[in-house]
Amino acid sequence: LYQKVYTHFLSGLPNRNKLLEDFQ
């Protein structure tokens, strides 16, 4: 779930959710 929520399924890079969380 962490992978799905926080990583992009194609690239394996952190995704938008992770970026928005890191902003906090």
mmCIF file of all heavy atoms, coordinates in Angstrom:
data_MODEL
# 
_entry.id   MODEL 
# 
loop_
_atom_site.group_PDB 
_atom_site.id 
_atom_site.type_symbol 
_atom_site.label_atom_id 
_atom_site.label_alt_id 
_atom_site.label_comp_id 
_atom_site.label_asym_id 
_atom_site.label_entity_id 
_atom_site.label_seq_id 
_atom_site.pdbx_PDB_ins_code 
_atom_site.Cartn_x 
_atom_site.Cartn_y 
_atom_site.Cartn_z 
_atom_site.occupancy 
_atom_site.B_iso_or_equiv 
_atom_site.pdbx_formal_charge 
_atom_site.auth_seq_id 
_atom_site.auth_comp_id 
_atom_site.auth_asym_id 
_atom_site.auth_atom_id 
_atom_site.pdbx_PDB_model_num 
ATOM 1   N N   . LEU A 1 1  ? 0.829  -1.202 0.000   1.00 0.00 ? 1  LEU A N   1 
ATOM 2   C CA  . LEU A 1 1  ? 0.000  0.000  0.000   1.00 0.00 ? 1  LEU A CA  1 
ATOM 3   C C   . LEU A 1 1  ? 0.864  1.253  0.000   1.00 0.00 ? 1  LEU A C   1 
ATOM 4   O O   . LEU A 1 1  ? 0.562  2.237  -0.688  1.00 0.00 ? 1  LEU A O   1 
ATOM 5   C CB  . LEU A 1 1  ? -0.926 -0.014 1.222   1.00 0.00 ? 1  LEU A CB  1 
ATOM 6   C CG  . LEU A 1 1  ? -1.902 1.159  1.344   1.00 0.00 ? 1  LEU A CG  1 
ATOM 7   C CD1 . LEU A 1 1  ? -2.838 1.186  0.148   1.00 0.00 ? 1  LEU A CD1 1 
ATOM 8   C CD2 . LEU A 1 1  ? -2.704 1.062  2.634   1.00 0.00 ? 1  LEU A CD2 1 
ATOM 9   N N   . TYR A 1 2  ? 1.926  1.191  0.785   1.00 0.00 ? 2  TYR A N   1 
ATOM 10  C CA  . TYR A 1 2  ? 2.853  2.328  0.803   1.00 0.00 ? 2  TYR A CA  1 
ATOM 11  C C   . TYR A 1 2  ? 3.415  2.563  -0.596  1.00 0.00 ? 2  TYR A C   1 
ATOM 12  O O   . TYR A 1 2  ? 3.506  3.707  -1.059  1.00 0.00 ? 2  TYR A O   1 
ATOM 13  C CB  . TYR A 1 2  ? 3.987  2.066  1.795   1.00 0.00 ? 2  TYR A CB  1 
ATOM 14  C CG  . TYR A 1 2  ? 4.967  3.226  1.912   1.00 0.00 ? 2  TYR A CG  1 
ATOM 15  C CD1 . TYR A 1 2  ? 4.730  4.248  2.818   1.00 0.00 ? 2  TYR A CD1 1 
ATOM 16  C CD2 . TYR A 1 2  ? 6.101  3.276  1.111   1.00 0.00 ? 2  TYR A CD2 1 
ATOM 17  C CE1 . TYR A 1 2  ? 5.616  5.317  2.922   1.00 0.00 ? 2  TYR A CE1 1 
ATOM 18  C CE2 . TYR A 1 2  ? 6.988  4.332  1.201   1.00 0.00 ? 2  TYR A CE2 1 
ATOM 19  C CZ  . TYR A 1 2  ? 6.750  5.353  2.113   1.00 0.00 ? 2  TYR A CZ  1 
ATOM 20  O OH  . TYR A 1 2  ? 7.612  6.400  2.208   1.00 0.00 ? 2  TYR A OH  1 
ATOM 21  N N   . GLN A 1 3  ? 3.771  1.438  -1.254  1.00 0.00 ? 3  GLN A N   1 
ATOM 22  C CA  . GLN A 1 3  ? 4.306  1.557  -2.612  1.00 0.00 ? 3  GLN A CA  1 
ATOM 23  C C   . GLN A 1 3  ? 3.263  2.165  -3.555  1.00 0.00 ? 3  GLN A C   1 
ATOM 24  O O   . GLN A 1 3  ? 3.581  3.023  -4.382  1.00 0.00 ? 3  GLN A O   1 
ATOM 25  C CB  . GLN A 1 3  ? 4.733  0.176  -3.136  1.00 0.00 ? 3  GLN A CB  1 
ATOM 26  C CG  . GLN A 1 3  ? 5.937  -0.419 -2.429  1.00 0.00 ? 3  GLN A CG  1 
ATOM 27  C CD  . GLN A 1 3  ? 7.212  0.384  -2.675  1.00 0.00 ? 3  GLN A CD  1 
ATOM 28  O OE1 . GLN A 1 3  ? 7.478  0.810  -3.787  1.00 0.00 ? 3  GLN A OE1 1 
ATOM 29  N NE2 . GLN A 1 3  ? 7.986  0.583  -1.622  1.00 0.00 ? 3  GLN A NE2 1 
ATOM 30  N N   . LYS A 1 4  ? 2.009  1.688  -3.411  1.00 0.00 ? 4  LYS A N   1 
ATOM 31  C CA  . LYS A 1 4  ? 0.953  2.206  -4.287  1.00 0.00 ? 4  LYS A CA  1 
ATOM 32  C C   . LYS A 1 4  ? 0.641  3.667  -3.997  1.00 0.00 ? 4  LYS A C   1 
ATOM 33  O O   . LYS A 1 4  ? 0.389  4.449  -4.914  1.00 0.00 ? 4  LYS A O   1 
ATOM 34  C CB  . LYS A 1 4  ? -0.313 1.360  -4.130  1.00 0.00 ? 4  LYS A CB  1 
ATOM 35  C CG  . LYS A 1 4  ? -0.203 -0.027 -4.738  1.00 0.00 ? 4  LYS A CG  1 
ATOM 36  C CD  . LYS A 1 4  ? -1.509 -0.796 -4.575  1.00 0.00 ? 4  LYS A CD  1 
ATOM 37  C CE  . LYS A 1 4  ? -1.406 -2.183 -5.183  1.00 0.00 ? 4  LYS A CE  1 
ATOM 38  N NZ  . LYS A 1 4  ? -2.661 -2.958 -5.027  1.00 0.00 ? 4  LYS A NZ  1 
ATOM 39  N N   . VAL A 1 5  ? 0.628  4.001  -2.708  1.00 0.00 ? 5  VAL A N   1 
ATOM 40  C CA  . VAL A 1 5  ? 0.245  5.364  -2.322  1.00 0.00 ? 5  VAL A CA  1 
ATOM 41  C C   . VAL A 1 5  ? 1.368  6.355  -2.582  1.00 0.00 ? 5  VAL A C   1 
ATOM 42  O O   . VAL A 1 5  ? 1.133  7.490  -3.014  1.00 0.00 ? 5  VAL A O   1 
ATOM 43  C CB  . VAL A 1 5  ? -0.175 5.401  -0.838  1.00 0.00 ? 5  VAL A CB  1 
ATOM 44  C CG1 . VAL A 1 5  ? -0.405 6.841  -0.375  1.00 0.00 ? 5  VAL A CG1 1 
ATOM 45  C CG2 . VAL A 1 5  ? -1.439 4.584  -0.631  1.00 0.00 ? 5  VAL A CG2 1 
ATOM 46  N N   . TYR A 1 6  ? 2.609  5.927  -2.366  1.00 0.00 ? 6  TYR A N   1 
ATOM 47  C CA  . TYR A 1 6  ? 3.714  6.879  -2.386  1.00 0.00 ? 6  TYR A CA  1 
ATOM 48  C C   . TYR A 1 6  ? 4.711  6.671  -3.524  1.00 0.00 ? 6  TYR A C   1 
ATOM 49  O O   . TYR A 1 6  ? 5.696  7.413  -3.606  1.00 0.00 ? 6  TYR A O   1 
ATOM 50  C CB  . TYR A 1 6  ? 4.469  6.832  -1.053  1.00 0.00 ? 6  TYR A CB  1 
ATOM 51  C CG  . TYR A 1 6  ? 3.655  7.387  0.096   1.00 0.00 ? 6  TYR A CG  1 
ATOM 52  C CD1 . TYR A 1 6  ? 3.157  6.545  1.088   1.00 0.00 ? 6  TYR A CD1 1 
ATOM 53  C CD2 . TYR A 1 6  ? 3.356  8.746  0.176   1.00 0.00 ? 6  TYR A CD2 1 
ATOM 54  C CE1 . TYR A 1 6  ? 2.403  7.049  2.136   1.00 0.00 ? 6  TYR A CE1 1 
ATOM 55  C CE2 . TYR A 1 6  ? 2.601  9.260  1.214   1.00 0.00 ? 6  TYR A CE2 1 
ATOM 56  C CZ  . TYR A 1 6  ? 2.129  8.403  2.193   1.00 0.00 ? 6  TYR A CZ  1 
ATOM 57  O OH  . TYR A 1 6  ? 1.384  8.908  3.230   1.00 0.00 ? 6  TYR A OH  1 
ATOM 58  N N   . THR A 1 7  ? 4.495  5.661  -4.374  1.00 0.00 ? 7  THR A N   1 
ATOM 59  C CA  . THR A 1 7  ? 5.397  5.496  -5.520  1.00 0.00 ? 7  THR A CA  1 
ATOM 60  C C   . THR A 1 7  ? 4.588  5.351  -6.796  1.00 0.00 ? 7  THR A C   1 
ATOM 61  O O   . THR A 1 7  ? 3.456  4.841  -6.780  1.00 0.00 ? 7  THR A O   1 
ATOM 62  C CB  . THR A 1 7  ? 6.301  4.257  -5.352  1.00 0.00 ? 7  THR A CB  1 
ATOM 63  O OG1 . THR A 1 7  ? 5.482  3.091  -5.277  1.00 0.00 ? 7  THR A OG1 1 
ATOM 64  C CG2 . THR A 1 7  ? 7.158  4.358  -4.107  1.00 0.00 ? 7  THR A CG2 1 
ATOM 65  N N   . HIS A 1 8  ? 5.159  5.793  -7.898  1.00 0.00 ? 8  HIS A N   1 
ATOM 66  C CA  . HIS A 1 8  ? 4.492  5.670  -9.191  1.00 0.00 ? 8  HIS A CA  1 
ATOM 67  C C   . HIS A 1 8  ? 4.663  4.249  -9.699  1.00 0.00 ? 8  HIS A C   1 
ATOM 68  O O   . HIS A 1 8  ? 5.762  3.694  -9.683  1.00 0.00 ? 8  HIS A O   1 
ATOM 69  C CB  . HIS A 1 8  ? 5.079  6.682  -10.179 1.00 0.00 ? 8  HIS A CB  1 
ATOM 70  C CG  . HIS A 1 8  ? 4.198  6.922  -11.359 1.00 0.00 ? 8  HIS A CG  1 
ATOM 71  N ND1 . HIS A 1 8  ? 4.112  6.034  -12.405 1.00 0.00 ? 8  HIS A ND1 1 
ATOM 72  C CD2 . HIS A 1 8  ? 3.345  7.948  -11.642 1.00 0.00 ? 8  HIS A CD2 1 
ATOM 73  C CE1 . HIS A 1 8  ? 3.257  6.510  -13.299 1.00 0.00 ? 8  HIS A CE1 1 
ATOM 74  N NE2 . HIS A 1 8  ? 2.776  7.666  -12.864 1.00 0.00 ? 8  HIS A NE2 1 
ATOM 75  N N   . PHE A 1 9  ? 3.570  3.654  -10.169 1.00 0.00 ? 9  PHE A N   1 
ATOM 76  C CA  . PHE A 1 9  ? 3.594  2.233  -10.526 1.00 0.00 ? 9  PHE A CA  1 
ATOM 77  C C   . PHE A 1 9  ? 4.469  1.938  -11.739 1.00 0.00 ? 9  PHE A C   1 
ATOM 78  O O   . PHE A 1 9  ? 4.932  0.814  -11.919 1.00 0.00 ? 9  PHE A O   1 
ATOM 79  C CB  . PHE A 1 9  ? 2.155  1.744  -10.794 1.00 0.00 ? 9  PHE A CB  1 
ATOM 80  C CG  . PHE A 1 9  ? 1.557  2.244  -12.086 1.00 0.00 ? 9  PHE A CG  1 
ATOM 81  C CD1 . PHE A 1 9  ? 1.540  1.444  -13.210 1.00 0.00 ? 9  PHE A CD1 1 
ATOM 82  C CD2 . PHE A 1 9  ? 1.015  3.517  -12.160 1.00 0.00 ? 9  PHE A CD2 1 
ATOM 83  C CE1 . PHE A 1 9  ? 0.982  1.893  -14.394 1.00 0.00 ? 9  PHE A CE1 1 
ATOM 84  C CE2 . PHE A 1 9  ? 0.458  3.977  -13.334 1.00 0.00 ? 9  PHE A CE2 1 
ATOM 85  C CZ  . PHE A 1 9  ? 0.438  3.167  -14.462 1.00 0.00 ? 9  PHE A CZ  1 
ATOM 86  N N   . LEU A 1 10 ? 4.727  2.939  -12.583 1.00 0.00 ? 10 LEU A N   1 
ATOM 87  C CA  . LEU A 1 10 ? 5.548  2.691  -13.765 1.00 0.00 ? 10 LEU A CA  1 
ATOM 88  C C   . LEU A 1 10 ? 7.039  2.819  -13.477 1.00 0.00 ? 10 LEU A C   1 
ATOM 89  O O   . LEU A 1 10 ? 7.837  1.959  -13.843 1.00 0.00 ? 10 LEU A O   1 
ATOM 90  C CB  . LEU A 1 10 ? 5.159  3.666  -14.888 1.00 0.00 ? 10 LEU A CB  1 
ATOM 91  C CG  . LEU A 1 10 ? 3.834  3.396  -15.598 1.00 0.00 ? 10 LEU A CG  1 
ATOM 92  C CD1 . LEU A 1 10 ? 3.546  4.496  -16.611 1.00 0.00 ? 10 LEU A CD1 1 
ATOM 93  C CD2 . LEU A 1 10 ? 3.876  2.043  -16.299 1.00 0.00 ? 10 LEU A CD2 1 
ATOM 94  N N   . SER A 1 11 ? 7.402  3.907  -12.797 1.00 0.00 ? 11 SER A N   1 
ATOM 95  C CA  . SER A 1 11 ? 8.822  4.214  -12.625 1.00 0.00 ? 11 SER A CA  1 
ATOM 96  C C   . SER A 1 11 ? 9.392  3.753  -11.292 1.00 0.00 ? 11 SER A C   1 
ATOM 97  O O   . SER A 1 11 ? 10.603 3.596  -11.152 1.00 0.00 ? 11 SER A O   1 
ATOM 98  C CB  . SER A 1 11 ? 9.025  5.723  -12.762 1.00 0.00 ? 11 SER A CB  1 
ATOM 99  O OG  . SER A 1 11 ? 8.313  6.406  -11.734 1.00 0.00 ? 11 SER A OG  1 
ATOM 100 N N   . GLY A 1 12 ? 8.526  3.551  -10.305 1.00 0.00 ? 12 GLY A N   1 
ATOM 101 C CA  . GLY A 1 12 ? 9.005  3.229  -8.970  1.00 0.00 ? 12 GLY A CA  1 
ATOM 102 C C   . GLY A 1 12 ? 9.514  4.444  -8.213  1.00 0.00 ? 12 GLY A C   1 
ATOM 103 O O   . GLY A 1 12 ? 9.968  4.336  -7.071  1.00 0.00 ? 12 GLY A O   1 
ATOM 104 N N   . LEU A 1 13 ? 9.435  5.631  -8.829  1.00 0.00 ? 13 LEU A N   1 
ATOM 105 C CA  . LEU A 1 13 ? 9.849  6.872  -8.166  1.00 0.00 ? 13 LEU A CA  1 
ATOM 106 C C   . LEU A 1 13 ? 8.752  7.338  -7.209  1.00 0.00 ? 13 LEU A C   1 
ATOM 107 O O   . LEU A 1 13 ? 7.576  6.988  -7.373  1.00 0.00 ? 13 LEU A O   1 
ATOM 108 C CB  . LEU A 1 13 ? 10.119 7.951  -9.212  1.00 0.00 ? 13 LEU A CB  1 
ATOM 109 C CG  . LEU A 1 13 ? 11.336 7.742  -10.127 1.00 0.00 ? 13 LEU A CG  1 
ATOM 110 C CD1 . LEU A 1 13 ? 11.344 8.796  -11.232 1.00 0.00 ? 13 LEU A CD1 1 
ATOM 111 C CD2 . LEU A 1 13 ? 12.638 7.810  -9.327  1.00 0.00 ? 13 LEU A CD2 1 
ATOM 112 N N   . PRO A 1 14 ? 9.122  8.157  -6.208  1.00 0.00 ? 14 PRO A N   1 
ATOM 113 C CA  . PRO A 1 14 ? 8.091  8.759  -5.350  1.00 0.00 ? 14 PRO A CA  1 
ATOM 114 C C   . PRO A 1 14 ? 7.076  9.520  -6.213  1.00 0.00 ? 14 PRO A C   1 
ATOM 115 O O   . PRO A 1 14 ? 7.450  10.163 -7.200  1.00 0.00 ? 14 PRO A O   1 
ATOM 116 C CB  . PRO A 1 14 ? 8.893  9.699  -4.439  1.00 0.00 ? 14 PRO A CB  1 
ATOM 117 C CG  . PRO A 1 14 ? 10.272 9.150  -4.443  1.00 0.00 ? 14 PRO A CG  1 
ATOM 118 C CD  . PRO A 1 14 ? 10.487 8.558  -5.802  1.00 0.00 ? 14 PRO A CD  1 
ATOM 119 N N   . ASN A 1 15 ? 5.797  9.455  -5.819  1.00 0.00 ? 15 ASN A N   1 
ATOM 120 C CA  . ASN A 1 15 ? 4.764  10.074 -6.640  1.00 0.00 ? 15 ASN A CA  1 
ATOM 121 C C   . ASN A 1 15 ? 4.281  11.399 -6.051  1.00 0.00 ? 15 ASN A C   1 
ATOM 122 O O   . ASN A 1 15 ? 4.894  11.948 -5.129  1.00 0.00 ? 15 ASN A O   1 
ATOM 123 C CB  . ASN A 1 15 ? 3.593  9.104  -6.834  1.00 0.00 ? 15 ASN A CB  1 
ATOM 124 C CG  . ASN A 1 15 ? 2.955  8.717  -5.518  1.00 0.00 ? 15 ASN A CG  1 
ATOM 125 O OD1 . ASN A 1 15 ? 3.223  9.324  -4.477  1.00 0.00 ? 15 ASN A OD1 1 
ATOM 126 N ND2 . ASN A 1 15 ? 2.107  7.694  -5.548  1.00 0.00 ? 15 ASN A ND2 1 
ATOM 127 N N   . ARG A 1 16 ? 3.191  11.873 -6.587  1.00 0.00 ? 16 ARG A N   1 
ATOM 128 C CA  . ARG A 1 16 ? 2.656  13.178 -6.164  1.00 0.00 ? 16 ARG A CA  1 
ATOM 129 C C   . ARG A 1 16 ? 2.277  13.167 -4.683  1.00 0.00 ? 16 ARG A C   1 
ATOM 130 O O   . ARG A 1 16 ? 2.506  14.150 -3.975  1.00 0.00 ? 16 ARG A O   1 
ATOM 131 C CB  . ARG A 1 16 ? 1.440  13.535 -7.021  1.00 0.00 ? 16 ARG A CB  1 
ATOM 132 C CG  . ARG A 1 16 ? 0.886  14.928 -6.773  1.00 0.00 ? 16 ARG A CG  1 
ATOM 133 C CD  . ARG A 1 16 ? -0.364 15.173 -7.617  1.00 0.00 ? 16 ARG A CD  1 
ATOM 134 N NE  . ARG A 1 16 ? -0.782 16.560 -7.528  1.00 0.00 ? 16 ARG A NE  1 
ATOM 135 C CZ  . ARG A 1 16 ? -0.356 17.524 -8.317  1.00 0.00 ? 16 ARG A CZ  1 
ATOM 136 N NH1 . ARG A 1 16 ? 0.529  17.252 -9.267  1.00 0.00 ? 16 ARG A NH1 1 
ATOM 137 N NH2 . ARG A 1 16 ? -0.788 18.774 -8.175  1.00 0.00 ? 16 ARG A NH2 1 
ATOM 138 N N   . ASN A 1 17 ? 1.672  12.063 -4.218  1.00 0.00 ? 17 ASN A N   1 
ATOM 139 C CA  . ASN A 1 17 ? 1.299  11.979 -2.802  1.00 0.00 ? 17 ASN A CA  1 
ATOM 140 C C   . ASN A 1 17 ? 2.519  12.143 -1.900  1.00 0.00 ? 17 ASN A C   1 
ATOM 141 O O   . ASN A 1 17 ? 2.462  12.835 -0.876  1.00 0.00 ? 17 ASN A O   1 
ATOM 142 C CB  . ASN A 1 17 ? 0.627  10.634 -2.518  1.00 0.00 ? 17 ASN A CB  1 
ATOM 143 C CG  . ASN A 1 17 ? -0.710 10.503 -3.205  1.00 0.00 ? 17 ASN A CG  1 
ATOM 144 O OD1 . ASN A 1 17 ? -1.387 11.494 -3.448  1.00 0.00 ? 17 ASN A OD1 1 
ATOM 145 N ND2 . ASN A 1 17 ? -1.096 9.286  -3.538  1.00 0.00 ? 17 ASN A ND2 1 
ATOM 146 N N   . LYS A 1 18 ? 3.609  11.483 -2.288  1.00 0.00 ? 18 LYS A N   1 
ATOM 147 C CA  . LYS A 1 18 ? 4.835  11.580 -1.499  1.00 0.00 ? 18 LYS A CA  1 
ATOM 148 C C   . LYS A 1 18 ? 5.379  13.005 -1.514  1.00 0.00 ? 18 LYS A C   1 
ATOM 149 O O   . LYS A 1 18 ? 5.839  13.529 -0.476  1.00 0.00 ? 18 LYS A O   1 
ATOM 150 C CB  . LYS A 1 18 ? 5.871  10.599 -2.059  1.00 0.00 ? 18 LYS A CB  1 
ATOM 151 C CG  . LYS A 1 18 ? 7.200  10.589 -1.301  1.00 0.00 ? 18 LYS A CG  1 
ATOM 152 C CD  . LYS A 1 18 ? 7.033  10.180 0.155   1.00 0.00 ? 18 LYS A CD  1 
ATOM 153 C CE  . LYS A 1 18 ? 8.375  10.071 0.848   1.00 0.00 ? 18 LYS A CE  1 
ATOM 154 N NZ  . LYS A 1 18 ? 8.234  9.874  2.314   1.00 0.00 ? 18 LYS A NZ  1 
ATOM 155 N N   . LEU A 1 19 ? 5.309  13.654 -2.680  1.00 0.00 ? 19 LEU A N   1 
ATOM 156 C CA  . LEU A 1 19 ? 5.787  15.043 -2.777  1.00 0.00 ? 19 LEU A CA  1 
ATOM 157 C C   . LEU A 1 19 ? 4.970  15.962 -1.873  1.00 0.00 ? 19 LEU A C   1 
ATOM 158 O O   . LEU A 1 19 ? 5.527  16.793 -1.140  1.00 0.00 ? 19 LEU A O   1 
ATOM 159 C CB  . LEU A 1 19 ? 5.702  15.523 -4.229  1.00 0.00 ? 19 LEU A CB  1 
ATOM 160 C CG  . LEU A 1 19 ? 6.084  16.984 -4.478  1.00 0.00 ? 19 LEU A CG  1 
ATOM 161 C CD1 . LEU A 1 19 ? 7.528  17.254 -4.068  1.00 0.00 ? 19 LEU A CD1 1 
ATOM 162 C CD2 . LEU A 1 19 ? 5.876  17.360 -5.944  1.00 0.00 ? 19 LEU A CD2 1 
ATOM 163 N N   . LEU A 1 20 ? 3.641  15.804 -1.917  1.00 0.00 ? 20 LEU A N   1 
ATOM 164 C CA  . LEU A 1 20 ? 2.785  16.662 -1.093  1.00 0.00 ? 20 LEU A CA  1 
ATOM 165 C C   . LEU A 1 20 ? 3.037  16.411 0.393   1.00 0.00 ? 20 LEU A C   1 
ATOM 166 O O   . LEU A 1 20 ? 3.003  17.352 1.199   1.00 0.00 ? 20 LEU A O   1 
ATOM 167 C CB  . LEU A 1 20 ? 1.315  16.410 -1.430  1.00 0.00 ? 20 LEU A CB  1 
ATOM 168 C CG  . LEU A 1 20 ? 0.885  16.793 -2.854  1.00 0.00 ? 20 LEU A CG  1 
ATOM 169 C CD1 . LEU A 1 20 ? -0.573 16.416 -3.098  1.00 0.00 ? 20 LEU A CD1 1 
ATOM 170 C CD2 . LEU A 1 20 ? 1.088  18.287 -3.100  1.00 0.00 ? 20 LEU A CD2 1 
ATOM 171 N N   . GLU A 1 21 ? 3.284  15.157 0.758   1.00 0.00 ? 21 GLU A N   1 
ATOM 172 C CA  . GLU A 1 21 ? 3.587  14.862 2.156   1.00 0.00 ? 21 GLU A CA  1 
ATOM 173 C C   . GLU A 1 21 ? 4.941  15.448 2.549   1.00 0.00 ? 21 GLU A C   1 
ATOM 174 O O   . GLU A 1 21 ? 5.105  15.985 3.653   1.00 0.00 ? 21 GLU A O   1 
ATOM 175 C CB  . GLU A 1 21 ? 3.571  13.344 2.376   1.00 0.00 ? 21 GLU A CB  1 
ATOM 176 C CG  . GLU A 1 21 ? 3.740  12.952 3.833   1.00 0.00 ? 21 GLU A CG  1 
ATOM 177 C CD  . GLU A 1 21 ? 3.563  11.466 4.059   1.00 0.00 ? 21 GLU A CD  1 
ATOM 178 O OE1 . GLU A 1 21 ? 2.422  10.984 3.927   1.00 0.00 ? 21 GLU A OE1 1 
ATOM 179 O OE2 . GLU A 1 21 ? 4.576  10.794 4.353   1.00 0.00 ? 21 GLU A OE2 1 
ATOM 180 N N   . ASP A 1 22 ? 5.914  15.346 1.644   1.00 0.00 ? 22 ASP A N   1 
ATOM 181 C CA  . ASP A 1 22 ? 7.245  15.900 1.934   1.00 0.00 ? 22 ASP A CA  1 
ATOM 182 C C   . ASP A 1 22 ? 7.206  17.418 2.070   1.00 0.00 ? 22 ASP A C   1 
ATOM 183 O O   . ASP A 1 22 ? 8.022  18.006 2.796   1.00 0.00 ? 22 ASP A O   1 
ATOM 184 C CB  . ASP A 1 22 ? 8.231  15.495 0.838   1.00 0.00 ? 22 ASP A CB  1 
ATOM 185 C CG  . ASP A 1 22 ? 8.607  14.019 0.936   1.00 0.00 ? 22 ASP A CG  1 
ATOM 186 O OD1 . ASP A 1 22 ? 8.286  13.402 1.974   1.00 0.00 ? 22 ASP A OD1 1 
ATOM 187 O OD2 . ASP A 1 22 ? 9.209  13.495 -0.023  1.00 0.00 ? 22 ASP A OD2 1 
ATOM 188 N N   . PHE A 1 23 ? 6.251  18.040 1.381   1.00 0.00 ? 23 PHE A N   1 
ATOM 189 C CA  . PHE A 1 23 ? 6.083  19.487 1.545   1.00 0.00 ? 23 PHE A CA  1 
ATOM 190 C C   . PHE A 1 23 ? 5.748  19.842 2.992   1.00 0.00 ? 23 PHE A C   1 
ATOM 191 O O   . PHE A 1 23 ? 6.096  20.925 3.473   1.00 0.00 ? 23 PHE A O   1 
ATOM 192 C CB  . PHE A 1 23 ? 4.963  20.004 0.621   1.00 0.00 ? 23 PHE A CB  1 
ATOM 193 C CG  . PHE A 1 23 ? 5.466  20.546 -0.687  1.00 0.00 ? 23 PHE A CG  1 
ATOM 194 C CD1 . PHE A 1 23 ? 5.067  19.977 -1.889  1.00 0.00 ? 23 PHE A CD1 1 
ATOM 195 C CD2 . PHE A 1 23 ? 6.337  21.626 -0.723  1.00 0.00 ? 23 PHE A CD2 1 
ATOM 196 C CE1 . PHE A 1 23 ? 5.526  20.469 -3.094  1.00 0.00 ? 23 PHE A CE1 1 
ATOM 197 C CE2 . PHE A 1 23 ? 6.797  22.128 -1.931  1.00 0.00 ? 23 PHE A CE2 1 
ATOM 198 C CZ  . PHE A 1 23 ? 6.395  21.544 -3.117  1.00 0.00 ? 23 PHE A CZ  1 
ATOM 199 N N   . GLN A 1 24 ? 5.051  18.926 3.678   1.00 0.00 ? 24 GLN A N   1 
ATOM 200 C CA  . GLN A 1 24 ? 4.688  19.175 5.069   1.00 0.00 ? 24 GLN A CA  1 
ATOM 201 C C   . GLN A 1 24 ? 5.856  18.911 6.026   1.00 0.00 ? 24 GLN A C   1 
ATOM 202 O O   . GLN A 1 24 ? 5.846  19.382 7.160   1.00 0.00 ? 24 GLN A O   1 
ATOM 203 C CB  . GLN A 1 24 ? 3.505  18.267 5.470   1.00 0.00 ? 24 GLN A CB  1 
ATOM 204 C CG  . GLN A 1 24 ? 2.306  18.355 4.547   1.00 0.00 ? 24 GLN A CG  1 
ATOM 205 C CD  . GLN A 1 24 ? 1.727  19.749 4.474   1.00 0.00 ? 24 GLN A CD  1 
ATOM 206 O OE1 . GLN A 1 24 ? 1.653  20.454 5.478   1.00 0.00 ? 24 GLN A OE1 1 
ATOM 207 N NE2 . GLN A 1 24 ? 1.342  20.169 3.266   1.00 0.00 ? 24 GLN A NE2 1 
# 
